[in-house]
Amino acid sequence: MTRCAVMGTGSWGTAFAMILADAGCEVTLWGRRQDLADAINEEHVNRDYLPGLTLPRSIRATTDPAAALAGADFAVLSVPSQTLRDNLAHWAPLLAPDTVLVSLMKGIELGTAKRMSEVIEEVAQVGPERVVVVSGPNLAGEIANRQPAATVVACTDEEVAKRFQKACHTPYFRPYTNTDVVGCELGGAVKNVIGLAVGMANGMGLGDNTKATLITRGLAETTRLGLRLGADAHTFAGLAGMGDLVATCSSPLSRNNTFGTNLGRGMTLAETIAATSQTAEGVKSCESVLDLARRNGVDMPIVEAVVDVVHKGRPTQEVLEGLMARSAKPERR
């Protein structure tokens, strides 16, 4: 039986533990809080993050990372992206020599502008063939209800991707393989930033034309950056690109969309953070995505606009007017 450790008891980590258990894997879920681990073991619930979901009884929870990772075929990492480096530094010595590390995170590291797979390779000192990235339209609340969804399982080694594809394939969760790790990660990271922008438009009371424009031009920005970094253009038309972007920008279940909506309604950053119970990755990643774009000479005006609102306090209306006043150009640019 395939053994999986899921490191993180947030909504997506918990939902993915359910997927793995439903697919027939032996699953151990790690979290910091003993009360949460006890509730999962004794009552099979995670009320803090997925209330109403009864978890498979086969899932075991622990606060001991060594116990979770012992003998794991796959270590599934589901922590906020900006905490990955510190967490993994503690976990890396506990990994078996052949454990494959799986990233559920969608962000770019602040300061280094590194993708999550790059951070994993550096900190755990593993090659790219031991790192898998999961990305796609995967809203945890819907998956927790076992509603049909698809995703992309990406690894530079296609056979490793196929192994994990088998480990997480259920009647309601359909994984596709891909070897374009760069494209899948960028799609997942940048869509959070575009989700903030679309949320802001929603909060301002703007209509579907505006939101469709932001989604489409946001995808163009993502593709430009991806191509500069060696990604496959086809990835951005698929589940990890357009699929994830549409889900994030259109669903009230999206943390980034909701966060942006509150900003668009006039709430301050501090007020919006106080009203948010879970991490909206785009809030910090918008800065690191813009950093990555500038390091590579790629123009990303929507991402820059989000940074201006979130971190520089510029009014949303002023930023929108600035975007609309940009010089006209052919659509393909």
Protein backbone atom coordinates (compact mmCIF):
# COMPACT_ATOMS: atom_id res chain seq x y z
CA MET A 1 0.00 0.00 0.00
CA THR A 2 1.24 3.48 -0.87
CA ARG A 3 2.08 5.46 2.24
CA CYS A 4 1.51 9.22 2.23
CA ALA A 5 2.30 11.91 4.78
CA VAL A 6 0.30 15.12 4.39
CA MET A 7 2.08 17.98 6.14
CA GLY A 8 -0.52 20.58 6.99
CA THR A 9 -4.08 20.40 8.35
CA GLY A 10 -5.53 23.40 6.54
CA SER A 11 -8.49 23.05 4.20
CA TRP A 12 -6.52 21.92 1.14
CA GLY A 13 -4.20 19.60 3.06
CA THR A 14 -7.16 17.98 4.81
CA ALA A 15 -9.15 17.63 1.58
CA PHE A 16 -6.14 16.13 -0.17
CA ALA A 17 -5.65 13.65 2.68
CA MET A 18 -9.24 12.57 2.03
CA ILE A 19 -8.49 12.14 -1.68
CA LEU A 20 -5.45 9.98 -0.96
CA ALA A 21 -7.37 7.85 1.54
CA ASP A 22 -10.26 7.42 -0.91
CA ALA A 23 -7.71 6.33 -3.52
CA GLY A 24 -6.54 3.55 -1.20
CA CYS A 25 -3.40 5.07 0.31
CA GLU A 26 -2.32 4.84 3.93
CA VAL A 27 -2.45 8.47 5.07
CA THR A 28 -0.98 10.29 8.05
CA LEU A 29 -1.90 13.93 8.47
CA TRP A 30 0.52 16.19 10.36
CA GLY A 31 -0.43 19.40 12.15
CA ARG A 32 0.89 21.58 14.95
CA ARG A 33 -2.18 21.48 17.20
CA GLN A 34 -2.83 18.49 19.42
CA ASP A 35 -6.53 19.32 19.81
CA LEU A 36 -6.99 19.26 16.04
CA ALA A 37 -5.10 15.97 15.72
CA ASP A 38 -7.22 14.46 18.48
CA ALA A 39 -10.45 15.56 16.78
CA ILE A 40 -9.34 14.00 13.50
CA ASN A 41 -8.37 10.73 15.19
CA GLU A 42 -11.37 10.45 17.50
CA GLU A 43 -14.20 12.23 15.69
CA HIS A 44 -12.83 12.18 12.10
CA VAL A 45 -13.49 15.89 11.61
CA ASN A 46 -11.54 19.10 11.06
CA ARG A 47 -14.10 21.65 12.21
CA ASP A 48 -11.73 24.59 11.98
CA TYR A 49 -11.09 24.29 8.26
CA LEU A 50 -13.65 21.91 6.74
CA PRO A 51 -16.72 21.86 8.99
CA GLY A 52 -19.29 19.30 7.93
CA LEU A 53 -16.77 16.93 6.35
CA THR A 54 -16.47 13.46 7.84
CA LEU A 55 -12.98 12.20 7.06
CA PRO A 56 -12.21 8.58 6.21
CA ARG A 57 -11.56 6.63 9.38
CA SER A 58 -8.30 5.34 7.93
CA ILE A 59 -6.66 8.80 8.18
CA ARG A 60 -4.41 9.12 11.20
CA ALA A 61 -3.32 12.53 12.54
CA THR A 62 -0.23 13.40 14.57
CA THR A 63 1.76 16.39 15.79
CA ASP A 64 5.01 14.46 15.43
CA PRO A 65 6.60 15.09 12.00
CA ALA A 66 8.92 12.09 12.39
CA ALA A 67 5.96 9.78 12.93
CA ALA A 68 4.15 11.26 9.94
CA LEU A 69 7.11 10.99 7.57
CA ALA A 70 8.41 7.57 8.63
CA GLY A 71 8.45 5.29 5.58
CA ALA A 72 6.42 7.69 3.44
CA ASP A 73 6.44 7.09 -0.31
CA PHE A 74 5.10 10.62 -0.80
CA ALA A 75 5.43 13.63 1.50
CA VAL A 76 2.67 16.03 0.53
CA LEU A 77 3.51 19.59 1.58
CA SER A 78 0.54 21.85 2.30
CA VAL A 79 1.68 24.85 4.30
CA PRO A 80 1.58 28.58 3.45
CA SER A 81 4.18 29.13 0.73
CA GLN A 82 6.16 31.71 2.69
CA THR A 83 6.64 29.22 5.56
CA LEU A 84 7.84 26.34 3.38
CA ARG A 85 11.57 26.98 3.71
CA ASP A 86 11.59 27.01 7.53
CA ASN A 87 9.22 24.05 7.86
CA LEU A 88 11.07 21.91 5.35
CA ALA A 89 14.43 22.64 6.99
CA HIS A 90 13.10 20.82 10.06
CA TRP A 91 11.48 18.00 8.10
CA ALA A 92 14.20 17.24 5.55
CA PRO A 93 16.38 15.14 7.91
CA LEU A 94 13.34 12.93 8.58
CA LEU A 95 12.77 12.02 4.93
CA ALA A 96 13.63 8.58 3.56
CA PRO A 97 16.14 8.59 0.66
CA ASP A 98 13.42 7.73 -1.88
CA THR A 99 10.52 9.82 -0.57
CA VAL A 100 8.96 11.96 -3.29
CA LEU A 101 8.00 15.47 -2.18
CA VAL A 102 4.69 16.80 -3.45
CA SER A 103 3.88 20.52 -3.45
CA LEU A 104 0.27 21.62 -3.02
CA MET A 105 1.43 25.23 -2.57
CA LYS A 106 0.79 28.00 -5.06
CA GLY A 107 3.17 30.86 -4.46
CA ILE A 108 6.56 32.43 -5.17
CA GLU A 109 9.00 32.90 -2.30
CA LEU A 110 9.55 36.46 -1.13
CA GLY A 111 13.15 37.64 -1.40
CA THR A 112 14.39 34.84 -3.65
CA ALA A 113 11.57 34.86 -6.24
CA LYS A 114 11.87 31.07 -6.32
CA ARG A 115 9.08 28.70 -7.19
CA MET A 116 8.06 26.18 -4.54
CA SER A 117 9.73 23.27 -6.35
CA GLU A 118 12.98 25.22 -6.41
CA VAL A 119 12.75 25.83 -2.66
CA ILE A 120 12.06 22.13 -2.09
CA GLU A 121 15.04 21.05 -4.18
CA GLU A 122 17.33 23.50 -2.41
CA VAL A 123 16.26 22.83 1.17
CA ALA A 124 15.73 19.07 0.94
CA GLN A 125 18.73 18.65 -1.38
CA VAL A 126 16.83 16.51 -3.87
CA GLY A 127 16.77 16.44 -7.66
CA PRO A 128 13.77 17.58 -9.71
CA GLU A 129 12.81 13.96 -10.34
CA ARG A 130 11.80 13.72 -6.66
CA VAL A 131 9.51 16.76 -6.72
CA VAL A 132 5.88 16.71 -7.87
CA VAL A 133 3.65 19.76 -8.24
CA VAL A 134 -0.16 19.60 -8.01
CA SER A 135 -2.04 22.47 -9.63
CA GLY A 136 -5.48 23.05 -11.09
CA PRO A 137 -9.03 24.22 -10.29
CA ASN A 138 -9.08 22.62 -6.85
CA LEU A 139 -11.31 24.58 -4.47
CA ALA A 140 -11.04 22.58 -1.26
CA GLY A 141 -14.63 23.16 -0.16
CA GLU A 142 -16.04 21.57 -3.31
CA ILE A 143 -13.61 18.67 -3.29
CA ALA A 144 -14.43 18.02 0.37
CA ASN A 145 -17.97 17.32 -0.85
CA ARG A 146 -16.49 14.94 -3.42
CA GLN A 147 -17.70 17.03 -6.33
CA PRO A 148 -15.99 16.11 -9.64
CA ALA A 149 -12.72 17.95 -10.24
CA ALA A 150 -9.55 17.53 -12.24
CA THR A 151 -5.97 18.59 -11.62
CA VAL A 152 -2.47 18.39 -13.04
CA VAL A 153 0.30 16.30 -11.47
CA ALA A 154 3.58 17.65 -12.82
CA CYS A 155 7.11 16.28 -12.54
CA THR A 156 10.13 16.39 -14.81
CA ASP A 157 10.17 12.58 -14.55
CA GLU A 158 6.97 11.40 -16.19
CA GLU A 159 7.09 8.01 -14.47
CA VAL A 160 7.13 9.68 -11.06
CA ALA A 161 4.18 11.82 -12.13
CA LYS A 162 2.32 8.67 -13.17
CA ARG A 163 3.03 7.06 -9.78
CA PHE A 164 1.48 9.97 -7.95
CA GLN A 165 -1.35 10.17 -10.48
CA LYS A 166 -2.29 6.63 -9.48
CA ALA A 167 -2.00 7.49 -5.77
CA CYS A 168 -4.58 10.30 -5.97
CA HIS A 169 -6.99 9.09 -8.65
CA THR A 170 -10.54 8.64 -7.38
CA PRO A 171 -14.01 8.56 -9.00
CA TYR A 172 -14.40 12.29 -8.25
CA PHE A 173 -10.78 13.49 -8.60
CA ARG A 174 -9.12 13.07 -11.99
CA PRO A 175 -5.39 13.89 -12.20
CA TYR A 176 -3.59 14.47 -15.51
CA THR A 177 0.19 14.25 -15.81
CA ASN A 178 2.50 16.93 -17.20
CA THR A 179 6.27 17.41 -17.31
CA ASP A 180 6.05 21.22 -17.44
CA VAL A 181 6.67 21.98 -13.77
CA VAL A 182 7.54 25.62 -14.48
CA GLY A 183 4.29 26.32 -16.29
CA CYS A 184 2.12 24.54 -13.74
CA GLU A 185 3.69 26.39 -10.83
CA LEU A 186 3.47 29.80 -12.47
CA GLY A 187 -0.16 29.22 -13.40
CA GLY A 188 -0.96 28.38 -9.78
CA ALA A 189 0.98 31.30 -8.31
CA VAL A 190 -0.09 34.10 -10.65
CA LYS A 191 -3.77 33.12 -10.69
CA ASN A 192 -3.93 34.07 -7.00
CA VAL A 193 -2.82 37.59 -7.87
CA ILE A 194 -5.29 37.88 -10.73
CA GLY A 195 -7.95 36.54 -8.36
CA LEU A 196 -7.27 39.50 -6.09
CA ALA A 197 -7.68 41.88 -9.05
CA VAL A 198 -10.98 40.31 -10.11
CA GLY A 199 -12.18 40.39 -6.51
CA MET A 200 -11.40 44.10 -6.35
CA ALA A 201 -13.45 44.69 -9.49
CA ASN A 202 -16.29 42.71 -7.96
CA GLY A 203 -16.11 44.73 -4.75
CA MET A 204 -16.21 47.96 -6.76
CA GLY A 205 -19.48 46.81 -8.35
CA LEU A 206 -17.99 46.36 -11.81
CA GLY A 207 -19.49 43.89 -14.24
CA ASP A 208 -18.56 40.81 -16.19
CA ASN A 209 -16.85 42.68 -19.03
CA THR A 210 -14.30 44.09 -16.59
CA LYS A 211 -13.76 40.75 -14.88
CA ALA A 212 -13.43 38.88 -18.18
CA THR A 213 -10.87 41.45 -19.30
CA LEU A 214 -8.82 40.98 -16.13
CA ILE A 215 -8.97 37.19 -16.41
CA THR A 216 -7.95 37.15 -20.06
CA ARG A 217 -5.21 39.74 -19.81
CA GLY A 218 -4.06 38.14 -16.57
CA LEU A 219 -3.60 34.89 -18.45
CA ALA A 220 -1.62 36.78 -21.09
CA GLU A 221 0.71 38.14 -18.39
CA THR A 222 1.14 34.67 -16.89
CA THR A 223 1.93 33.20 -20.30
CA ARG A 224 4.50 35.91 -21.07
CA LEU A 225 6.35 35.18 -17.85
CA GLY A 226 6.09 31.44 -18.36
CA LEU A 227 7.50 31.52 -21.87
CA ARG A 228 10.41 33.67 -20.69
CA LEU A 229 11.18 31.01 -18.05
CA GLY A 230 10.93 28.10 -20.47
CA ALA A 231 7.39 26.88 -19.86
CA ASP A 232 5.17 25.28 -22.50
CA ALA A 233 2.52 27.69 -23.83
CA HIS A 234 -0.02 24.84 -23.96
CA THR A 235 0.11 24.52 -20.16
CA PHE A 236 -1.56 27.90 -19.74
CA ALA A 237 -4.54 26.84 -21.84
CA GLY A 238 -5.07 23.80 -19.61
CA LEU A 239 -6.16 22.97 -16.09
CA ALA A 240 -3.13 24.50 -14.37
CA GLY A 241 -3.54 27.71 -16.38
CA MET A 242 -6.98 28.76 -17.54
CA GLY A 243 -8.76 26.14 -15.44
CA ASP A 244 -7.30 27.27 -12.13
CA LEU A 245 -7.63 30.94 -13.10
CA VAL A 246 -11.35 30.64 -13.88
CA ALA A 247 -12.09 28.82 -10.62
CA THR A 248 -10.17 31.34 -8.52
CA CYS A 249 -11.63 34.39 -10.23
CA SER A 250 -15.25 33.24 -10.29
CA SER A 251 -15.88 31.44 -7.01
CA PRO A 252 -16.80 32.95 -3.63
CA LEU A 253 -14.93 29.97 -2.16
CA SER A 254 -11.68 31.48 -3.44
CA ARG A 255 -9.77 33.16 -0.59
CA ASN A 256 -8.00 35.52 -2.97
CA ASN A 257 -11.21 36.53 -4.71
CA THR A 258 -12.89 37.20 -1.36
CA PHE A 259 -9.87 39.13 -0.08
CA GLY A 260 -9.87 41.30 -3.21
CA THR A 261 -13.61 41.87 -2.95
CA ASN A 262 -13.20 43.28 0.54
CA LEU A 263 -10.45 45.61 -0.67
CA GLY A 264 -12.65 46.72 -3.56
CA ARG A 265 -15.43 47.58 -1.11
CA GLY A 266 -13.08 49.99 0.62
CA MET A 267 -11.73 47.93 3.50
CA THR A 268 -8.11 48.59 4.43
CA LEU A 269 -5.48 45.89 4.18
CA ALA A 270 -5.44 45.52 7.98
CA GLU A 271 -9.24 45.24 8.12
CA THR A 272 -9.28 42.67 5.33
CA ILE A 273 -6.57 40.56 6.97
CA ALA A 274 -8.49 40.66 10.27
CA ALA A 275 -11.62 39.43 8.49
CA THR A 276 -9.77 36.57 6.77
CA SER A 277 -9.41 33.27 8.62
CA GLN A 278 -7.17 31.51 6.09
CA THR A 279 -4.14 32.43 4.01
CA ALA A 280 -4.77 34.30 0.74
CA GLU A 281 -1.51 33.44 -1.00
CA GLY A 282 -1.76 36.23 -3.53
CA VAL A 283 -1.40 38.91 -0.85
CA LYS A 284 2.29 38.14 -0.36
CA SER A 285 2.96 36.45 -3.68
CA CYS A 286 1.93 39.51 -5.69
CA GLU A 287 5.21 41.13 -4.57
CA SER A 288 7.34 38.08 -5.34
CA VAL A 289 5.63 37.48 -8.70
CA LEU A 290 6.34 41.10 -9.66
CA ASP A 291 9.92 40.65 -8.46
CA LEU A 292 10.30 37.53 -10.62
CA ALA A 293 8.83 39.35 -13.63
CA ARG A 294 11.16 42.32 -13.26
CA ARG A 295 14.20 40.07 -12.86
CA ASN A 296 13.28 38.57 -16.22
CA GLY A 297 12.24 41.74 -18.01
CA VAL A 298 8.55 40.80 -18.30
CA ASP A 299 5.80 43.44 -18.17
CA MET A 300 2.91 42.45 -15.82
CA PRO A 301 0.72 45.55 -15.35
CA ILE A 302 -2.16 43.79 -13.57
CA VAL A 303 0.21 42.21 -11.07
CA GLU A 304 1.84 45.60 -10.55
CA ALA A 305 -1.58 47.18 -10.02
CA VAL A 306 -2.42 44.62 -7.34
CA VAL A 307 0.86 45.37 -5.56
CA ASP A 308 0.02 49.08 -5.68
CA VAL A 309 -3.34 48.51 -4.00
CA VAL A 310 -2.36 45.83 -1.49
CA HIS A 311 1.06 47.04 -0.39
CA LYS A 312 1.21 50.72 -1.36
CA GLY A 313 -2.32 51.70 -0.38
CA ARG A 314 -3.32 53.21 -3.71
CA PRO A 315 -7.10 53.50 -4.22
CA THR A 316 -8.58 50.79 -6.44
CA GLN A 317 -10.33 53.34 -8.67
CA GLU A 318 -7.07 55.19 -9.29
CA VAL A 319 -5.25 51.97 -10.16
CA LEU A 320 -8.03 50.87 -12.51
CA GLU A 321 -7.91 54.19 -14.32
CA GLY A 322 -4.17 53.78 -14.71
CA LEU A 323 -4.60 50.35 -16.30
CA MET A 324 -7.22 51.67 -18.74
CA ALA A 325 -5.00 54.62 -19.68
CA ARG A 326 -2.10 52.44 -20.82
CA SER A 327 -1.11 52.89 -24.46
CA ALA A 328 -3.02 50.78 -26.98
CA LYS A 329 -1.25 47.79 -28.49
CA PRO A 330 -1.92 44.58 -30.46
CA GLU A 331 -3.62 41.92 -28.33
CA ARG A 332 -0.87 39.37 -28.81
CA ARG A 333 1.61 41.51 -26.83
